[in-house]
Protein backbone atom coordinates (compact mmCIF):
# COMPACT_ATOMS: atom_id res chain seq x y z
CA MET A 1 0.00 0.00 0.00
CA HIS A 2 1.58 3.27 -1.08
CA THR A 3 1.48 6.57 0.82
CA CYS A 4 -1.31 8.93 -0.23
CA THR A 5 0.22 11.50 -2.61
CA SER A 6 -2.90 13.26 -3.85
CA GLU A 7 -2.76 16.91 -4.94
CA HIS A 8 -5.56 19.35 -4.13
CA HIS A 9 -6.92 21.78 -6.73
CA TYR A 10 -9.82 24.22 -7.05
CA GLY A 11 -12.51 23.85 -9.70
CA ARG A 12 -15.47 25.90 -10.90
CA SER A 13 -17.77 28.05 -8.78
CA MET A 14 -20.90 26.50 -7.30
CA CYS A 15 -22.96 29.13 -9.14
CA THR A 16 -21.66 28.10 -12.56
CA ALA A 17 -21.80 24.38 -11.84
CA ALA A 18 -25.34 24.56 -10.43
CA ARG A 19 -26.61 26.54 -13.42
CA ASP A 20 -25.16 24.08 -15.92
CA ALA A 21 -26.47 21.12 -13.92
CA ARG A 22 -29.95 22.66 -13.61
CA ILE A 23 -30.21 23.06 -17.40
CA ALA A 24 -29.12 19.45 -17.93
CA ALA A 25 -31.48 18.15 -15.23
CA ARG A 26 -34.49 19.82 -16.84
CA LYS A 27 -33.88 17.86 -20.04
CA ARG A 28 -34.04 14.58 -18.11
CA ILE A 29 -37.50 15.16 -16.69
CA GLN A 30 -39.93 13.08 -18.74
CA ILE A 31 -43.05 14.99 -17.68
CA SER A 32 -44.57 17.44 -20.15
CA THR A 33 -45.06 21.01 -18.96
CA GLN A 34 -47.09 23.78 -20.53
CA SER A 35 -46.27 27.44 -21.06
CA CYS A 36 -47.61 29.81 -18.41
CA VAL A 37 -49.23 32.87 -19.93
CA ASN A 38 -49.57 34.76 -16.66
CA ASP A 39 -47.87 34.32 -13.30
CA HIS A 40 -49.98 32.60 -10.68
CA LYS A 41 -50.69 34.72 -7.64
CA VAL A 42 -47.44 34.96 -5.70
CA ARG A 43 -47.68 33.84 -2.08
CA PRO A 44 -44.17 34.15 -0.59
CA TYR A 45 -43.22 31.19 1.56
CA ASP A 46 -40.16 31.14 3.81
CA LEU A 47 -38.61 27.77 4.58
CA VAL A 48 -39.03 26.79 8.23
CA PRO A 49 -35.65 25.82 9.77
CA GLY A 50 -35.74 22.40 11.39
CA LYS A 51 -38.91 21.46 9.52
CA ASP A 52 -38.55 22.37 5.85
CA ILE A 53 -34.77 22.59 5.87
CA ARG A 54 -32.02 21.29 8.12
CA VAL A 55 -28.59 22.86 7.83
CA LEU A 56 -26.11 20.37 9.30
CA SER A 57 -23.57 22.86 10.62
CA ASP A 58 -22.17 20.30 13.06
CA GLN A 59 -21.13 18.18 10.05
CA ASN A 60 -19.39 21.03 8.22
CA ILE A 61 -15.98 19.38 7.97
CA ASP A 62 -13.86 19.69 4.83
CA SER A 63 -13.39 16.67 2.61
CA THR A 64 -10.08 14.83 2.78
CA VAL A 65 -8.16 12.12 0.91
CA ILE A 66 -6.97 8.89 2.50
CA GLN A 67 -5.21 5.79 1.21
CA MET A 68 -7.42 2.69 1.02
CA ASN A 69 -5.98 -0.82 1.16
CA LEU A 70 -6.69 -2.59 -2.16
CA GLU A 71 -4.94 -5.83 -1.17
CA GLY A 72 -6.78 -8.83 -2.59
CA ILE A 73 -8.53 -6.75 -5.26
CA ASP A 74 -7.27 -7.44 -8.77
CA VAL A 75 -7.45 -3.86 -10.06
CA GLU A 76 -6.71 -4.81 -13.65
CA LYS A 77 -9.44 -7.48 -13.62
CA THR A 78 -11.87 -5.07 -11.93
CA ILE A 79 -11.31 -2.39 -14.56
CA LYS A 80 -11.77 -5.01 -17.27
CA ARG A 81 -15.12 -6.00 -15.78
CA ILE A 82 -16.13 -2.33 -15.50
CA LYS A 83 -15.57 -2.08 -19.24
CA HIS A 84 -17.59 -5.26 -19.83
CA VAL A 85 -20.50 -3.96 -17.73
CA ARG A 86 -20.29 -0.66 -19.59
CA ALA A 87 -20.51 -2.54 -22.93
CA LEU A 88 -23.40 -4.59 -21.54
CA THR A 89 -25.19 -1.36 -20.65
CA LYS A 90 -24.78 -0.06 -24.19
CA LYS A 91 -26.17 -3.30 -25.67
CA VAL A 92 -29.18 -3.26 -23.38
CA GLU A 93 -29.88 0.42 -24.03
CA SER A 94 -29.77 -0.24 -27.76
CA ARG A 95 -32.23 -3.11 -27.43
CA LEU A 96 -34.59 -1.14 -25.19
CA ASN A 97 -34.14 2.19 -26.95
CA LYS A 98 -33.95 3.57 -23.43
CA THR A 99 -31.14 4.88 -21.26
CA LEU A 100 -30.31 3.12 -17.99
CA TRP A 101 -28.67 6.30 -16.68
CA GLY A 102 -29.58 7.53 -13.20
CA TYR A 103 -31.20 6.08 -10.09
CA ASN A 104 -33.58 3.32 -11.10
CA ASN A 105 -34.12 -0.38 -10.59
CA ILE A 106 -32.66 -1.52 -13.92
CA GLN A 107 -29.31 0.30 -14.00
CA PHE A 108 -26.05 -1.48 -13.29
CA GLN A 109 -24.47 1.19 -11.06
CA PHE A 110 -25.15 2.78 -7.68
CA ALA A 111 -26.44 0.25 -5.13
CA ASN A 112 -27.01 -2.36 -7.87
CA ALA A 113 -23.29 -2.43 -8.71
CA VAL A 114 -22.60 -4.94 -5.94
CA MET A 115 -24.41 -7.57 -8.03
CA PHE A 116 -21.63 -7.25 -10.63
CA PHE A 117 -18.70 -6.67 -8.22
CA PRO A 118 -19.52 -8.67 -5.07
CA GLN A 119 -15.98 -9.74 -4.17
CA GLU A 120 -14.42 -6.33 -4.82
CA CYS A 121 -17.02 -4.55 -2.69
CA TRP A 122 -16.68 -6.92 0.25
CA LYS A 123 -12.88 -6.90 0.10
CA LEU A 124 -12.65 -3.09 0.06
CA TRP A 125 -14.90 -2.97 3.13
CA ASP A 126 -13.09 -5.74 4.98
CA ASN A 127 -9.65 -4.27 4.29
CA ASN A 128 -10.56 -0.78 5.42
CA LYS A 129 -13.39 -0.97 7.96
CA LYS A 130 -11.21 0.03 10.93
CA GLN A 131 -9.81 3.05 9.11
CA MET A 132 -13.26 4.03 7.83
CA LYS A 133 -14.76 3.93 11.31
CA LYS A 134 -12.09 6.38 12.49
CA HIS A 135 -13.48 8.87 9.98
CA MET A 136 -17.09 7.85 10.69
CA PRO A 137 -17.39 6.39 14.23
CA SER A 138 -21.17 5.93 13.93
CA LEU A 139 -20.93 3.82 10.73
CA VAL A 140 -23.46 0.96 10.57
CA ARG A 141 -23.65 -0.14 6.93
CA CYS A 142 -22.22 0.71 3.51
CA HIS A 143 -23.43 0.36 -0.06
CA CYS A 144 -21.03 -0.12 -2.94
CA ASN A 145 -20.89 1.54 -6.35
CA VAL A 146 -18.37 0.60 -9.05
CA PHE A 147 -18.28 2.62 -12.25
CA SER A 148 -16.32 4.46 -14.91
CA VAL A 149 -16.60 7.85 -16.56
CA GLU A 150 -15.46 7.57 -20.16
CA GLU A 151 -17.56 10.25 -21.85
CA VAL A 152 -18.57 13.77 -20.80
CA SER A 153 -22.23 12.71 -20.74
CA GLU A 154 -21.45 10.04 -18.12
CA ALA A 155 -20.10 12.42 -15.48
CA TYR A 156 -22.83 12.77 -12.88
CA HIS A 157 -24.00 16.36 -12.39
CA MET A 158 -24.04 18.24 -9.08
CA HIS A 159 -26.21 16.59 -6.42
CA HIS A 160 -26.37 15.54 -2.79
CA ALA A 161 -27.98 12.77 -0.80
CA SER A 162 -31.29 12.93 1.01
CA ALA A 163 -33.79 10.53 2.59
CA ILE A 164 -37.52 10.08 3.03
CA GLY A 165 -37.26 11.30 6.62
CA PHE A 166 -36.21 14.74 5.43
CA GLN A 167 -39.02 14.98 2.92
CA GLU A 168 -42.64 14.11 3.34
CA GLY A 169 -44.90 14.84 6.29
CA THR A 170 -44.60 14.29 10.02
CA GLU A 171 -45.21 10.53 9.85
CA PHE A 172 -41.86 10.08 8.08
CA VAL A 173 -39.77 12.52 10.13
CA GLY A 174 -36.63 10.81 11.39
CA TYR A 175 -36.71 8.02 8.80
CA ASN A 176 -33.16 8.80 7.77
CA PRO A 177 -29.56 8.35 8.85
CA THR A 178 -27.97 11.34 10.59
CA HIS A 179 -24.65 10.84 8.80
CA HIS A 180 -23.98 9.72 5.23
CA MET A 181 -20.33 9.57 4.18
CA SER A 182 -18.56 8.36 1.03
CA PHE A 183 -15.15 6.74 0.61
CA HIS A 184 -14.82 7.48 -3.10
CA THR A 185 -11.84 5.30 -4.10
CA SER A 186 -9.90 5.67 -7.33
CA LEU A 187 -8.80 2.48 -9.10
CA ALA A 188 -6.44 4.27 -11.47
CA GLU A 189 -4.64 7.59 -11.81
CA SER A 190 -7.11 10.46 -12.10
CA ASN A 191 -6.50 14.10 -13.00
CA ILE A 192 -8.08 17.05 -14.82
CA SER A 193 -8.21 15.05 -18.07
CA SER A 194 -10.28 12.24 -16.53
CA ALA A 195 -13.46 14.02 -15.37
CA PRO A 196 -12.13 14.57 -11.83
CA PHE A 197 -14.50 14.10 -8.93
CA SER A 198 -15.18 17.30 -7.00
CA VAL A 199 -16.80 18.43 -3.75
CA PHE A 200 -18.12 21.89 -2.85
CA ASP A 201 -16.68 22.26 0.64
CA SER A 202 -17.97 25.86 0.85
CA HIS A 203 -21.47 24.38 0.86
CA THR A 204 -22.58 23.45 4.37
CA PRO A 205 -24.24 20.00 4.35
CA GLU A 206 -28.01 20.38 4.29
CA VAL A 207 -31.22 18.47 3.63
CA PHE A 208 -34.69 19.76 2.89
CA SER A 209 -38.25 18.89 1.96
CA ILE A 210 -38.63 19.04 -1.83
CA TYR A 211 -42.36 19.77 -1.53
CA ALA A 212 -41.69 22.76 0.75
CA MET A 213 -38.79 23.85 -1.45
CA ILE A 214 -41.02 23.99 -4.53
CA LYS A 215 -43.53 26.05 -2.56
CA HIS A 216 -40.71 28.42 -1.61
CA LEU A 217 -39.14 28.70 -5.06
CA LYS A 218 -42.25 29.03 -7.23
CA ASN A 219 -43.21 32.11 -5.20
CA ASN A 220 -39.76 33.70 -5.38
CA LEU A 221 -39.64 36.54 -7.91
CA ASP A 222 -35.84 36.39 -7.97
CA ILE A 223 -36.31 33.26 -10.10
CA SER A 224 -37.24 33.57 -13.76
CA HIS A 225 -40.85 33.26 -14.85
CA ASP A 226 -40.12 30.19 -16.98
CA ILE A 227 -38.50 28.27 -14.13
CA ARG A 228 -41.29 29.17 -11.71
CA CYS A 229 -43.78 27.97 -14.29
CA VAL A 230 -42.04 24.59 -14.51
CA LEU A 231 -41.85 24.28 -10.72
CA LYS A 232 -45.56 24.94 -10.39
CA GLN A 233 -46.39 22.08 -12.74
CA LEU A 234 -43.88 19.66 -11.22
CA GLN A 235 -45.06 20.07 -7.64
CA GLN A 236 -47.37 17.06 -7.61
CA HIS A 237 -44.52 14.89 -8.93
CA PHE A 238 -42.13 15.81 -6.09
CA ALA A 239 -41.60 12.13 -5.22
CA LEU A 240 -39.84 11.45 -8.55
CA HIS A 241 -36.06 11.47 -8.37
CA SER A 242 -35.60 13.59 -11.52
CA VAL A 243 -37.90 16.27 -10.09
CA ARG A 244 -36.04 16.27 -6.78
CA GLU A 245 -32.74 16.80 -8.56
CA TYR A 246 -34.06 19.69 -10.64
CA VAL A 247 -35.62 21.50 -7.67
CA THR A 248 -32.43 21.12 -5.63
CA LEU A 249 -30.35 22.66 -8.42
CA VAL A 250 -32.73 25.60 -8.86
CA TYR A 251 -32.29 26.34 -5.15
CA TRP A 252 -28.51 25.96 -5.16
CA GLU A 253 -28.17 28.17 -8.22
CA LEU A 254 -30.26 30.86 -6.52
CA GLN A 255 -28.26 30.65 -3.29
CA ALA A 256 -24.78 30.39 -4.80
CA CYS A 257 -25.18 33.02 -7.50
CA SER A 258 -26.44 35.58 -4.96
CA ARG A 259 -23.23 35.28 -2.93
CA GLN A 260 -20.23 37.49 -3.56
CA ASP A 261 -17.99 34.42 -3.87
CA LYS A 262 -20.55 32.68 -6.15
CA GLY A 263 -20.87 29.89 -3.61
CA GLY A 264 -17.15 29.14 -3.53
CA ASN A 265 -15.15 26.89 -5.81
CA SER A 266 -15.16 23.12 -5.72
CA SER A 267 -12.23 21.03 -4.54
CA TRP A 268 -10.83 18.25 -6.68
CA TRP A 269 -7.74 16.08 -6.40
CA SER A 270 -5.18 14.43 -8.63
CA LEU A 271 -5.42 10.84 -7.42
CA ASN A 272 -3.50 7.58 -7.65
CA SER A 273 -4.92 4.07 -7.40
CA GLY A 274 -6.21 3.51 -3.87
CA ASP A 275 -6.62 7.20 -3.02
CA ALA A 276 -10.11 7.85 -1.64
CA VAL A 277 -11.95 11.15 -1.29
CA VAL A 278 -13.82 11.08 2.03
CA PHE A 279 -16.75 13.50 2.01
CA ASN A 280 -20.20 14.19 3.41
CA ASN A 281 -22.93 13.09 0.99
CA TYR A 282 -25.32 15.76 2.30
CA ARG A 283 -22.95 18.33 0.77
CA ALA A 284 -23.12 19.39 -2.89
CA HIS A 285 -20.67 17.34 -4.94
CA SER A 286 -19.73 16.48 -8.53
CA ASP A 287 -19.41 18.87 -11.46
CA ALA A 288 -19.89 17.39 -14.92
CA GLY A 289 -18.47 20.56 -16.47
CA LEU A 290 -15.06 20.28 -14.82
CA GLY A 291 -12.09 19.14 -16.91
CA SER A 292 -12.21 16.78 -19.86
CA VAL A 293 -12.53 13.04 -20.44
CA ASP A 294 -9.38 12.32 -22.41
CA HIS A 295 -8.82 9.40 -20.04
CA ALA A 296 -11.37 7.25 -18.22
CA ARG A 297 -11.95 7.52 -14.47
CA TYR A 298 -12.50 4.23 -12.61
CA THR A 299 -14.01 4.30 -9.14
CA ILE A 300 -15.21 2.01 -6.37
CA ASP A 301 -17.23 3.95 -3.83
CA LEU A 302 -18.36 2.79 -0.39
CA ARG A 303 -21.31 4.97 0.67
CA CYS A 304 -21.78 4.58 4.40
CA PHE A 305 -24.55 5.38 6.88
CA ASP A 306 -25.20 5.46 10.59
CA LYS A 307 -28.30 4.27 12.41
CA ILE A 308 -31.71 5.39 11.16
CA GLU A 309 -33.14 7.93 13.61
CA LYS A 310 -36.65 6.45 13.62
CA ILE A 311 -38.25 3.72 11.51
CA PRO A 312 -41.90 4.73 10.99
CA PHE A 313 -45.11 2.81 11.62
CA GLU A 314 -43.53 1.08 14.63
CA GLN A 315 -41.65 -1.30 12.35
CA LYS A 316 -38.37 -2.97 13.29
CA TYR A 317 -36.78 -2.98 9.82
CA SER A 318 -36.75 -0.49 6.97
CA TRP A 319 -38.16 -2.86 4.38
CA ASP A 320 -41.33 -3.37 6.44
CA ALA A 321 -41.75 0.40 6.72
CA LEU A 322 -41.30 0.84 2.97
CA ALA A 323 -43.97 -1.74 2.26
CA THR A 324 -46.40 0.54 4.09
CA ILE A 325 -45.12 3.74 2.49
CA PHE A 326 -45.53 2.36 -1.01
CA THR A 327 -49.24 1.79 -0.50
CA HIS A 328 -49.56 5.59 -0.71
CA PRO A 329 -50.48 6.77 -4.25
CA LEU A 330 -47.70 9.38 -4.22
CA PHE A 331 -45.07 6.65 -4.07
CA HIS A 332 -46.50 4.22 -6.63
CA ASP A 333 -44.14 5.32 -9.41
CA VAL A 334 -41.20 5.47 -7.03
CA PHE A 335 -41.78 1.86 -6.06
CA HIS A 336 -41.74 0.72 -9.68
CA GLN A 337 -38.69 2.83 -10.55
CA GLN A 338 -36.59 1.98 -7.51
CA TYR A 339 -37.54 -1.29 -5.87
CA ARG A 340 -38.81 -3.88 -8.35
CA MET A 341 -35.66 -5.95 -8.70
CA GLU A 342 -36.77 -9.00 -10.67
CA CYS A 343 -35.02 -8.03 -13.92
CA ILE A 344 -31.29 -7.79 -13.09
CA PRO A 345 -31.16 -11.38 -11.74
CA GLU A 346 -32.38 -12.49 -15.18
CA LEU A 347 -29.00 -11.41 -16.56
CA PHE A 348 -27.41 -14.15 -14.45
CA ASN A 349 -30.07 -16.77 -15.30
CA THR A 350 -31.41 -16.60 -11.78
CA THR A 351 -34.32 -15.05 -9.88
CA THR A 352 -34.91 -12.78 -6.92
CA GLU A 353 -36.34 -15.78 -5.09
CA TYR A 354 -33.11 -17.73 -5.47
CA ILE A 355 -30.96 -14.85 -4.26
CA GLU A 356 -33.26 -14.37 -1.28
CA SER A 357 -32.99 -18.08 -0.49
CA LEU A 358 -29.27 -17.56 0.17
CA ILE A 359 -30.18 -15.78 3.39
CA PRO A 360 -33.73 -16.64 4.49
CA GLY A 361 -35.80 -13.79 5.88
CA ALA A 362 -34.14 -11.09 3.75
CA PHE A 363 -35.47 -9.42 0.63
CA ILE A 364 -33.27 -8.75 -2.40
CA GLN A 365 -33.71 -5.00 -1.91
CA GLU A 366 -32.15 -5.35 1.56
CA ILE A 367 -29.37 -7.64 0.29
CA ILE A 368 -28.35 -5.07 -2.32
CA GLY A 369 -29.36 -1.94 -0.41
CA SER A 370 -31.11 1.24 -1.40
CA ILE A 371 -30.16 4.79 -0.51
CA SER A 372 -33.39 6.64 -1.25
CA GLY A 373 -35.42 3.96 0.53
CA ASN A 374 -33.23 3.85 3.64
CA LEU A 375 -32.47 0.15 3.19
CA ILE A 376 -29.33 0.82 5.18
CA ASP A 377 -30.04 -1.22 8.29
CA ARG A 378 -29.37 -4.95 8.76
CA PRO A 379 -25.71 -5.15 7.64
CA GLU A 380 -25.94 -8.85 8.42
CA VAL A 381 -27.99 -9.38 5.20
CA SER A 382 -25.77 -7.18 2.99
CA LEU A 383 -23.59 -8.46 0.14
CA VAL A 384 -21.02 -5.85 1.20
CA HIS A 385 -20.84 -6.95 4.85
CA ASN A 386 -21.81 -10.65 4.98
CA HIS A 387 -18.85 -12.68 3.68
CA SER A 388 -20.65 -16.04 3.61
CA LEU A 389 -23.55 -14.54 1.66
CA ASN A 390 -21.09 -12.84 -0.67
CA ILE A 391 -19.29 -16.13 -1.42
CA ALA A 392 -22.54 -18.02 -2.01
CA TYR A 393 -23.81 -15.33 -4.37
CA TYR A 394 -20.54 -15.11 -6.31
CA GLU A 395 -20.35 -18.88 -6.80
CA TYR A 396 -23.71 -18.76 -8.53
CA VAL A 397 -23.05 -15.76 -10.81
CA LYS A 398 -19.30 -16.06 -11.43
CA ASN A 399 -19.72 -17.65 -14.86
CA ALA A 400 -21.56 -14.59 -16.11
CA LEU A 401 -19.18 -12.18 -14.36
CA ASP A 402 -15.89 -13.88 -15.25
CA ASN A 403 -16.85 -14.82 -18.81
CA ASN A 404 -19.01 -11.83 -19.66
CA ASP A 405 -21.86 -14.24 -20.34
CA TYR A 406 -25.16 -12.47 -19.62
CA ASN A 407 -28.70 -13.40 -20.62
CA ILE A 408 -29.58 -10.13 -22.32
CA ASP A 409 -32.75 -11.51 -23.94
CA ALA A 410 -34.27 -12.45 -20.58
CA PHE A 411 -33.37 -9.07 -19.06
CA VAL A 412 -34.83 -7.08 -21.97
CA PHE A 413 -38.05 -9.13 -21.90
CA CYS A 414 -38.41 -8.48 -18.17
CA VAL A 415 -37.80 -4.73 -18.49
CA GLU A 416 -40.22 -4.34 -21.41
CA LYS A 417 -42.86 -6.10 -19.32
CA GLN A 418 -42.24 -3.69 -16.45
CA LEU A 419 -42.39 -0.64 -18.71
CA LYS A 420 -45.77 -1.70 -20.06
CA GLU A 421 -47.04 -1.85 -16.50
CA LEU A 422 -45.77 1.67 -15.84
CA GLN A 423 -47.14 3.50 -18.85
CA TYR A 424 -47.35 7.17 -18.01
CA ASP A 425 -50.80 8.49 -19.02
CA GLU A 426 -50.23 12.23 -19.42
CA ASP A 427 -53.93 12.80 -20.03
CA LYS A 428 -54.50 12.02 -16.34
CA ILE A 429 -51.94 14.48 -15.03
CA ASN A 430 -53.54 17.26 -12.98
CA ILE A 431 -51.32 20.33 -13.09
CA GLU A 432 -53.70 22.79 -11.46
CA LEU A 433 -51.75 23.55 -8.28
């Protein structure tokens, strides 16, 4: 293990990055909006601290870089598999005529990445858990993301983490971890020519209710008429991830661009293999407009959480609470987009039922994990934390993983079936808010 030799640099202002990201995020929203001829009656609404917005000043600690132990991880083989999964993604997207980009139940990154990199994820955790707990003493469970950035369009725009407990109504308050940290580990040399990862350390970590934020922003005359018009029509869709992203960026652009320092400049680092950026996920991070992509960036990221403050409906585990939440009409689409996991196992010629049989009493969503759904409890059922489960799972899927032998036909058939069940009927959308 070599000594950490990362070099710190400053990137673009938060104002500029937020504006660019907001424009890109609007294009990803699949809901039609209409032109507003006249402004609706403006009713100014101030966000209520502690209710609508929580500024986590006690967590306002600058990001840092540490050296992670990659012993036992074949970096060359891991990068090769990243490329294979990337090629698999392209094939599937071509067949479906649909992008897999973003948070959804059919993409091969974010929490789902552990299904393709089980051994690497467990090994990174096992090698480094003592060091990680020094930086995050309250750590309970981690999720694992493994990915590459090889084109400008693949660099994830500015965002931060949130949770249901920060969002919707008093019955969900507290259904969230207090701390959410990332150990964003580079697998190869990374610099300004490889879409460097960046963090806006001038931004104090914060979380807020998207519904309340829309109410605040759509009545703010400092925001353009066109943007307020869009916000008005998106309000009833606040549970959708793409809408949440867009609203967050409108707010950050407003806040950052009104400051004399334009919100401060991001931090980014020249990294070597094994160097990990440790940062708070409730802080604004990532800037797709920084640098170039002359060289690919390869990353394995352990996203870690502490104990959930309060699981609602007097349930013991998060999955049981989610089962109740998803009976609410507001969360119907979210359930289909985030938690139906029957399709990815088809790639490995297996089923959710078989994977769940590897550890009786657990659901596949818990085994993989989910950030937005707070499936961050029960580390004992996690592919990242449970070594025996990890070995049993890998033995079953290693032929597909090691030989790049995936059942694309079965996966595509499954996804097309899901999409038919989730047809969006725009004629039924009520936009009179």
